[in-house]
Amino acid sequence: MALKIQLILALAILILLVSGCVETNRSTQYDPPEPVKTEKPELDIDKVSRIATQVASEHEYDEERYNCVNFSKELVRRLKLANYSAHTVTGYKNNEPHMWVEIKKPFIRIEATTGEFISDRKYKSSYSLTKIRIPVIKKYR
């Protein structure tokens, strides 16, 4: 009986030594694996434009079923799959609640419902992060 226990213990120690779970007097050098570098690609305007146009063409705009929120979230998802740093922006377009997409470095705004880039000029005239309120001017007599 004692011999069986000794054999089982010896076999267990041998398995642990082979698997590396128990250290021996030999020094082993551990080289950690190199971290995987996931660098952001250079911005390919044509590729971004193709992705945006494709997302915009896959659905028709419907306020109840598929609106700017759905278009923007889908565009961000696809741009991230292409390794671009994109995010949605919630604000107003022509004083109506709206959502669009931005890419940082270089900074680009995209209207997800049409797939078009938003120029600075168009952004300044039609888009805002806060609702524009026109003050009411009362006439005094």
N, C-alpha and C. Protein backbone atom coordinates (compact mmCIF):
# COMPACT_ATOMS: atom_id res chain seq x y z
N MET A 1 0.82 -1.19 0.00
CA MET A 1 0.00 0.00 0.00
C MET A 1 0.87 1.26 0.00
N ALA A 2 1.90 1.28 0.83
CA ALA A 2 2.79 2.42 0.91
C ALA A 2 3.53 2.61 -0.41
N LEU A 3 3.84 1.51 -1.07
CA LEU A 3 4.54 1.58 -2.35
C LEU A 3 3.65 2.23 -3.42
N LYS A 4 2.35 1.93 -3.41
CA LYS A 4 1.42 2.53 -4.37
C LYS A 4 1.33 4.04 -4.14
N ILE A 5 1.27 4.46 -2.88
CA ILE A 5 1.20 5.88 -2.57
C ILE A 5 2.46 6.60 -3.02
N GLN A 6 3.64 5.96 -2.79
CA GLN A 6 4.90 6.55 -3.22
C GLN A 6 4.95 6.68 -4.74
N LEU A 7 4.46 5.66 -5.45
CA LEU A 7 4.45 5.71 -6.92
C LEU A 7 3.51 6.81 -7.42
N ILE A 8 2.35 6.95 -6.80
CA ILE A 8 1.40 7.99 -7.21
C ILE A 8 1.98 9.37 -6.96
N LEU A 9 2.63 9.56 -5.79
CA LEU A 9 3.25 10.85 -5.49
C LEU A 9 4.38 11.15 -6.47
N ALA A 10 5.20 10.15 -6.77
CA ALA A 10 6.31 10.35 -7.72
C ALA A 10 5.77 10.71 -9.10
N LEU A 11 4.71 10.05 -9.52
CA LEU A 11 4.11 10.33 -10.81
C LEU A 11 3.52 11.75 -10.84
N ALA A 12 2.87 12.16 -9.74
CA ALA A 12 2.31 13.51 -9.66
C ALA A 12 3.40 14.56 -9.72
N ILE A 13 4.50 14.34 -9.01
CA ILE A 13 5.63 15.28 -9.03
C ILE A 13 6.22 15.35 -10.43
N LEU A 14 6.35 14.23 -11.08
CA LEU A 14 6.89 14.19 -12.44
C LEU A 14 6.00 14.98 -13.40
N ILE A 15 4.69 14.83 -13.27
CA ILE A 15 3.76 15.57 -14.13
C ILE A 15 3.88 17.07 -13.88
N LEU A 16 3.97 17.46 -12.62
CA LEU A 16 4.11 18.88 -12.29
C LEU A 16 5.43 19.45 -12.81
N LEU A 17 6.50 18.67 -12.73
CA LEU A 17 7.79 19.14 -13.24
C LEU A 17 7.74 19.33 -14.75
N VAL A 18 7.16 18.37 -15.44
CA VAL A 18 7.09 18.43 -16.90
C VAL A 18 6.21 19.59 -17.35
N SER A 19 5.12 19.82 -16.63
CA SER A 19 4.21 20.89 -17.04
C SER A 19 4.71 22.27 -16.66
N GLY A 20 5.76 22.35 -15.83
CA GLY A 20 6.32 23.64 -15.47
C GLY A 20 5.66 24.28 -14.27
N CYS A 21 4.81 23.55 -13.57
CA CYS A 21 4.11 24.12 -12.42
C CYS A 21 4.99 24.16 -11.17
N VAL A 22 6.03 23.36 -11.15
CA VAL A 22 6.93 23.33 -10.00
C VAL A 22 8.30 23.76 -10.47
N GLU A 23 8.92 24.69 -9.74
CA GLU A 23 10.25 25.15 -10.11
C GLU A 23 11.30 24.15 -9.66
N THR A 24 12.31 24.06 -10.46
CA THR A 24 13.46 23.22 -10.09
C THR A 24 14.62 24.14 -9.79
N ASN A 25 15.78 23.58 -9.51
CA ASN A 25 16.96 24.39 -9.24
C ASN A 25 17.45 25.09 -10.50
N ARG A 26 17.02 24.61 -11.65
CA ARG A 26 17.44 25.24 -12.91
C ARG A 26 16.73 26.58 -13.06
N SER A 27 17.47 27.58 -13.47
CA SER A 27 16.82 28.87 -13.70
C SER A 27 16.27 28.89 -15.12
N THR A 28 15.06 29.30 -15.24
CA THR A 28 14.46 29.42 -16.56
C THR A 28 14.19 30.88 -16.82
N GLN A 29 14.48 31.28 -18.02
CA GLN A 29 14.28 32.67 -18.39
C GLN A 29 12.92 32.80 -19.06
N TYR A 30 12.12 33.76 -18.59
CA TYR A 30 10.79 33.98 -19.14
C TYR A 30 10.81 35.25 -19.97
N ASP A 31 10.49 35.12 -21.22
CA ASP A 31 10.38 36.26 -22.11
C ASP A 31 8.89 36.51 -22.37
N PRO A 32 8.36 37.60 -21.84
CA PRO A 32 6.94 37.87 -22.07
C PRO A 32 6.69 38.14 -23.55
N PRO A 33 5.51 37.78 -24.02
CA PRO A 33 5.21 38.02 -25.44
C PRO A 33 5.16 39.52 -25.73
N GLU A 34 5.52 39.87 -26.94
CA GLU A 34 5.45 41.26 -27.37
C GLU A 34 4.00 41.70 -27.44
N PRO A 35 3.69 42.89 -26.94
CA PRO A 35 2.30 43.36 -27.04
C PRO A 35 1.93 43.60 -28.50
N VAL A 36 0.69 43.30 -28.79
CA VAL A 36 0.19 43.50 -30.15
C VAL A 36 -0.08 44.98 -30.34
N LYS A 37 0.51 45.56 -31.35
CA LYS A 37 0.33 46.98 -31.62
C LYS A 37 -0.81 47.14 -32.61
N THR A 38 -1.80 47.90 -32.20
CA THR A 38 -2.93 48.18 -33.09
C THR A 38 -2.94 49.67 -33.38
N GLU A 39 -2.09 50.06 -34.28
CA GLU A 39 -2.00 51.47 -34.64
C GLU A 39 -3.17 51.85 -35.52
N LYS A 40 -3.61 53.07 -35.35
CA LYS A 40 -4.68 53.57 -36.19
C LYS A 40 -4.13 53.80 -37.59
N PRO A 41 -4.87 53.38 -38.61
CA PRO A 41 -4.37 53.57 -39.97
C PRO A 41 -4.42 55.04 -40.37
N GLU A 42 -3.62 55.36 -41.37
CA GLU A 42 -3.72 56.70 -41.96
C GLU A 42 -5.14 56.83 -42.50
N LEU A 43 -5.68 58.02 -42.40
CA LEU A 43 -7.05 58.23 -42.85
C LEU A 43 -7.11 58.16 -44.37
N ASP A 44 -7.88 57.21 -44.85
CA ASP A 44 -8.11 57.05 -46.28
C ASP A 44 -9.50 57.63 -46.57
N ILE A 45 -9.52 58.86 -47.07
CA ILE A 45 -10.78 59.58 -47.30
C ILE A 45 -11.72 58.78 -48.20
N ASP A 46 -11.16 58.17 -49.24
CA ASP A 46 -12.00 57.39 -50.16
C ASP A 46 -12.63 56.19 -49.45
N LYS A 47 -11.87 55.52 -48.60
CA LYS A 47 -12.39 54.37 -47.87
C LYS A 47 -13.49 54.80 -46.90
N VAL A 48 -13.25 55.88 -46.16
CA VAL A 48 -14.26 56.39 -45.23
C VAL A 48 -15.51 56.79 -46.00
N SER A 49 -15.34 57.44 -47.14
CA SER A 49 -16.48 57.85 -47.96
C SER A 49 -17.26 56.63 -48.45
N ARG A 50 -16.56 55.57 -48.87
CA ARG A 50 -17.25 54.36 -49.32
C ARG A 50 -18.05 53.73 -48.19
N ILE A 51 -17.46 53.66 -47.00
CA ILE A 51 -18.16 53.08 -45.85
C ILE A 51 -19.41 53.91 -45.53
N ALA A 52 -19.25 55.23 -45.48
CA ALA A 52 -20.37 56.12 -45.15
C ALA A 52 -21.48 56.03 -46.19
N THR A 53 -21.11 56.01 -47.46
CA THR A 53 -22.10 55.93 -48.54
C THR A 53 -22.83 54.59 -48.49
N GLN A 54 -22.10 53.53 -48.20
CA GLN A 54 -22.72 52.21 -48.12
C GLN A 54 -23.74 52.15 -46.98
N VAL A 55 -23.36 52.66 -45.81
CA VAL A 55 -24.30 52.67 -44.68
C VAL A 55 -25.54 53.47 -45.02
N ALA A 56 -25.35 54.64 -45.63
CA ALA A 56 -26.49 55.51 -45.97
C ALA A 56 -27.41 54.88 -47.01
N SER A 57 -26.85 54.07 -47.89
CA SER A 57 -27.66 53.49 -48.97
C SER A 57 -28.39 52.21 -48.56
N GLU A 58 -28.06 51.64 -47.43
CA GLU A 58 -28.65 50.35 -47.03
C GLU A 58 -30.06 50.48 -46.46
N HIS A 59 -30.43 51.67 -46.00
CA HIS A 59 -31.75 51.87 -45.41
C HIS A 59 -32.34 53.19 -45.90
N GLU A 60 -33.65 53.23 -45.89
CA GLU A 60 -34.31 54.51 -46.16
C GLU A 60 -34.57 55.16 -44.82
N TYR A 61 -34.46 56.49 -44.79
CA TYR A 61 -34.71 57.23 -43.56
C TYR A 61 -36.17 57.12 -43.18
N ASP A 62 -36.42 56.73 -41.95
CA ASP A 62 -37.77 56.64 -41.42
C ASP A 62 -37.70 57.09 -39.97
N GLU A 63 -38.37 58.17 -39.65
CA GLU A 63 -38.30 58.76 -38.30
C GLU A 63 -38.58 57.74 -37.21
N GLU A 64 -39.50 56.80 -37.46
CA GLU A 64 -39.90 55.83 -36.44
C GLU A 64 -39.03 54.57 -36.45
N ARG A 65 -38.60 54.11 -37.63
CA ARG A 65 -37.94 52.80 -37.71
C ARG A 65 -36.42 52.88 -37.87
N TYR A 66 -35.94 53.78 -38.69
CA TYR A 66 -34.49 53.86 -38.95
C TYR A 66 -34.14 55.32 -39.20
N ASN A 67 -33.70 55.99 -38.14
CA ASN A 67 -33.45 57.43 -38.24
C ASN A 67 -31.97 57.75 -38.06
N CYS A 68 -31.66 59.01 -37.82
CA CYS A 68 -30.27 59.45 -37.73
C CYS A 68 -29.48 58.71 -36.64
N VAL A 69 -30.15 58.31 -35.58
CA VAL A 69 -29.48 57.56 -34.51
C VAL A 69 -29.01 56.21 -35.03
N ASN A 70 -29.88 55.50 -35.73
CA ASN A 70 -29.52 54.19 -36.28
C ASN A 70 -28.41 54.31 -37.33
N PHE A 71 -28.54 55.27 -38.24
CA PHE A 71 -27.50 55.49 -39.26
C PHE A 71 -26.16 55.80 -38.60
N SER A 72 -26.15 56.69 -37.61
CA SER A 72 -24.90 57.11 -36.97
C SER A 72 -24.24 55.98 -36.21
N LYS A 73 -25.02 55.23 -35.45
CA LYS A 73 -24.45 54.11 -34.69
C LYS A 73 -23.89 53.03 -35.61
N GLU A 74 -24.59 52.76 -36.70
CA GLU A 74 -24.09 51.76 -37.65
C GLU A 74 -22.81 52.25 -38.33
N LEU A 75 -22.76 53.53 -38.69
CA LEU A 75 -21.55 54.07 -39.31
C LEU A 75 -20.37 54.01 -38.36
N VAL A 76 -20.58 54.37 -37.10
CA VAL A 76 -19.50 54.30 -36.11
C VAL A 76 -19.01 52.86 -35.96
N ARG A 77 -19.96 51.92 -35.92
CA ARG A 77 -19.58 50.50 -35.78
C ARG A 77 -18.68 50.05 -36.95
N ARG A 78 -19.07 50.44 -38.15
CA ARG A 78 -18.28 50.02 -39.32
C ARG A 78 -16.94 50.73 -39.39
N LEU A 79 -16.91 52.00 -39.02
CA LEU A 79 -15.63 52.72 -39.03
C LEU A 79 -14.68 52.14 -37.98
N LYS A 80 -15.20 51.74 -36.84
CA LYS A 80 -14.36 51.12 -35.82
C LYS A 80 -13.84 49.77 -36.28
N LEU A 81 -14.66 49.02 -37.03
CA LEU A 81 -14.19 47.76 -37.60
C LEU A 81 -13.03 48.00 -38.56
N ALA A 82 -13.04 49.15 -39.22
CA ALA A 82 -11.95 49.54 -40.12
C ALA A 82 -10.81 50.21 -39.37
N ASN A 83 -10.91 50.22 -38.02
CA ASN A 83 -9.87 50.73 -37.12
C ASN A 83 -9.75 52.25 -37.11
N TYR A 84 -10.87 52.94 -37.34
CA TYR A 84 -10.89 54.40 -37.24
C TYR A 84 -11.51 54.80 -35.90
N SER A 85 -11.03 55.88 -35.33
CA SER A 85 -11.53 56.38 -34.05
C SER A 85 -12.73 57.29 -34.30
N ALA A 86 -13.91 56.69 -34.34
CA ALA A 86 -15.13 57.44 -34.65
C ALA A 86 -16.08 57.42 -33.45
N HIS A 87 -16.93 58.44 -33.38
CA HIS A 87 -17.93 58.50 -32.32
C HIS A 87 -19.14 59.30 -32.81
N THR A 88 -20.27 59.08 -32.14
CA THR A 88 -21.47 59.83 -32.49
C THR A 88 -21.50 61.16 -31.74
N VAL A 89 -22.19 62.12 -32.31
CA VAL A 89 -22.38 63.42 -31.67
C VAL A 89 -23.87 63.72 -31.70
N THR A 90 -24.41 64.07 -30.55
CA THR A 90 -25.82 64.42 -30.46
C THR A 90 -25.94 65.93 -30.36
N GLY A 91 -26.79 66.48 -31.20
CA GLY A 91 -26.97 67.93 -31.20
C GLY A 91 -28.22 68.29 -31.98
N TYR A 92 -28.09 69.35 -32.75
CA TYR A 92 -29.24 69.84 -33.52
C TYR A 92 -28.81 70.15 -34.94
N LYS A 93 -29.71 69.85 -35.87
CA LYS A 93 -29.52 70.25 -37.26
C LYS A 93 -30.76 71.04 -37.64
N ASN A 94 -30.56 72.28 -38.01
CA ASN A 94 -31.68 73.18 -38.33
C ASN A 94 -32.71 73.21 -37.19
N ASN A 95 -32.20 73.31 -35.97
CA ASN A 95 -33.00 73.40 -34.74
C ASN A 95 -33.80 72.14 -34.40
N GLU A 96 -33.53 71.03 -35.08
CA GLU A 96 -34.19 69.76 -34.78
C GLU A 96 -33.17 68.80 -34.16
N PRO A 97 -33.56 67.98 -33.19
CA PRO A 97 -32.62 67.01 -32.61
C PRO A 97 -32.02 66.13 -33.71
N HIS A 98 -30.72 65.88 -33.61
CA HIS A 98 -30.05 65.14 -34.67
C HIS A 98 -28.79 64.46 -34.12
N MET A 99 -28.31 63.46 -34.86
CA MET A 99 -27.06 62.78 -34.51
C MET A 99 -26.22 62.62 -35.77
N TRP A 100 -24.91 62.85 -35.65
CA TRP A 100 -23.99 62.67 -36.76
C TRP A 100 -22.71 62.02 -36.22
N VAL A 101 -21.73 61.82 -37.07
CA VAL A 101 -20.51 61.08 -36.71
C VAL A 101 -19.30 61.97 -36.89
N GLU A 102 -18.33 61.80 -35.98
CA GLU A 102 -17.05 62.50 -36.10
C GLU A 102 -15.91 61.50 -36.01
N ILE A 103 -14.88 61.77 -36.79
CA ILE A 103 -13.62 61.02 -36.72
C ILE A 103 -12.57 62.01 -36.25
N LYS A 104 -11.74 61.57 -35.32
CA LYS A 104 -10.66 62.46 -34.85
C LYS A 104 -9.36 62.06 -35.54
N LYS A 105 -8.51 63.04 -35.73
CA LYS A 105 -7.16 62.89 -36.29
C LYS A 105 -7.18 62.26 -37.67
N PRO A 106 -7.35 62.97 -38.72
CA PRO A 106 -7.77 64.36 -38.79
C PRO A 106 -9.26 64.46 -38.54
N PHE A 107 -9.68 65.60 -38.10
CA PHE A 107 -11.05 65.81 -37.68
C PHE A 107 -11.97 65.89 -38.89
N ILE A 108 -12.97 65.00 -38.90
CA ILE A 108 -13.94 64.95 -40.00
C ILE A 108 -15.33 64.74 -39.42
N ARG A 109 -16.31 65.44 -39.94
CA ARG A 109 -17.70 65.23 -39.56
C ARG A 109 -18.42 64.56 -40.73
N ILE A 110 -19.30 63.60 -40.40
CA ILE A 110 -20.02 62.88 -41.45
C ILE A 110 -21.50 62.87 -41.13
N GLU A 111 -22.31 63.23 -42.11
CA GLU A 111 -23.76 63.13 -42.00
C GLU A 111 -24.10 61.68 -42.36
N ALA A 112 -24.42 60.89 -41.34
CA ALA A 112 -24.61 59.45 -41.53
C ALA A 112 -25.83 59.10 -42.37
N THR A 113 -26.84 59.97 -42.38
CA THR A 113 -28.05 59.66 -43.15
C THR A 113 -27.83 59.76 -44.65
N THR A 114 -26.83 60.55 -45.07
CA THR A 114 -26.54 60.69 -46.50
C THR A 114 -25.18 60.14 -46.88
N GLY A 115 -24.29 59.97 -45.91
CA GLY A 115 -22.94 59.50 -46.18
C GLY A 115 -22.00 60.61 -46.63
N GLU A 116 -22.44 61.85 -46.54
CA GLU A 116 -21.62 62.98 -47.00
C GLU A 116 -20.81 63.57 -45.86
N PHE A 117 -19.66 64.12 -46.21
CA PHE A 117 -18.85 64.84 -45.23
C PHE A 117 -19.51 66.20 -44.98
N ILE A 118 -19.44 66.66 -43.74
CA ILE A 118 -20.02 67.95 -43.38
C ILE A 118 -18.90 68.98 -43.40
N SER A 119 -18.99 69.93 -44.31
CA SER A 119 -17.97 70.98 -44.39
C SER A 119 -18.10 71.91 -43.18
N ASP A 120 -17.03 72.63 -42.89
CA ASP A 120 -17.07 73.59 -41.79
C ASP A 120 -18.16 74.63 -42.03
N ARG A 121 -18.27 75.07 -43.25
CA ARG A 121 -19.28 76.08 -43.59
C ARG A 121 -20.70 75.58 -43.34
N LYS A 122 -20.96 74.33 -43.79
CA LYS A 122 -22.29 73.76 -43.58
C LYS A 122 -22.53 73.50 -42.10
N TYR A 123 -21.50 73.06 -41.40
CA TYR A 123 -21.65 72.80 -39.96
C TYR A 123 -22.04 74.08 -39.22
N LYS A 124 -21.34 75.15 -39.53
CA LYS A 124 -21.60 76.42 -38.84
C LYS A 124 -23.00 76.95 -39.14
N SER A 125 -23.52 76.67 -40.34
CA SER A 125 -24.83 77.22 -40.70
C SER A 125 -26.00 76.32 -40.30
N SER A 126 -25.78 75.01 -40.16
CA SER A 126 -26.92 74.11 -39.94
C SER A 126 -26.85 73.27 -38.67
N TYR A 127 -25.66 73.04 -38.12
CA TYR A 127 -25.51 72.12 -37.00
C TYR A 127 -25.10 72.89 -35.74
N SER A 128 -25.50 72.34 -34.59
CA SER A 128 -25.05 72.91 -33.32
C SER A 128 -25.18 71.86 -32.23
N LEU A 129 -24.43 72.04 -31.18
CA LEU A 129 -24.50 71.12 -30.04
C LEU A 129 -25.61 71.51 -29.08
N THR A 130 -26.08 72.73 -29.20
CA THR A 130 -27.20 73.19 -28.38
C THR A 130 -28.28 73.74 -29.29
N LYS A 131 -29.49 73.70 -28.82
CA LYS A 131 -30.59 74.20 -29.63
C LYS A 131 -30.52 75.72 -29.70
N ILE A 132 -30.66 76.22 -30.90
CA ILE A 132 -30.62 77.67 -31.10
C ILE A 132 -31.99 78.23 -30.74
N ARG A 133 -31.99 79.19 -29.86
CA ARG A 133 -33.25 79.82 -29.48
C ARG A 133 -33.21 81.27 -29.94
N ILE A 134 -34.20 81.62 -30.69
CA ILE A 134 -34.29 83.00 -31.15
C ILE A 134 -35.10 83.77 -30.11
N PRO A 135 -34.54 84.82 -29.52
CA PRO A 135 -35.27 85.54 -28.48
C PRO A 135 -36.50 86.22 -29.06
N VAL A 136 -37.54 86.21 -28.26
CA VAL A 136 -38.79 86.87 -28.66
C VAL A 136 -38.67 88.34 -28.28
N ILE A 137 -38.88 89.18 -29.23
CA ILE A 137 -38.81 90.62 -28.97
C ILE A 137 -40.23 91.16 -28.91
N LYS A 138 -40.54 91.69 -27.76
CA LYS A 138 -41.88 92.25 -27.58
C LYS A 138 -41.90 93.70 -28.00
N LYS A 139 -42.96 94.07 -28.63
CA LYS A 139 -43.13 95.47 -29.01
C LYS A 139 -43.77 96.21 -27.85
N TYR A 140 -43.18 97.30 -27.51
CA TYR A 140 -43.75 98.13 -26.45
C TYR A 140 -44.41 99.33 -27.09
N ARG A 141 -45.54 99.71 -26.59
CA ARG A 141 -46.25 100.86 -27.14
C ARG A 141 -46.00 102.07 -26.34
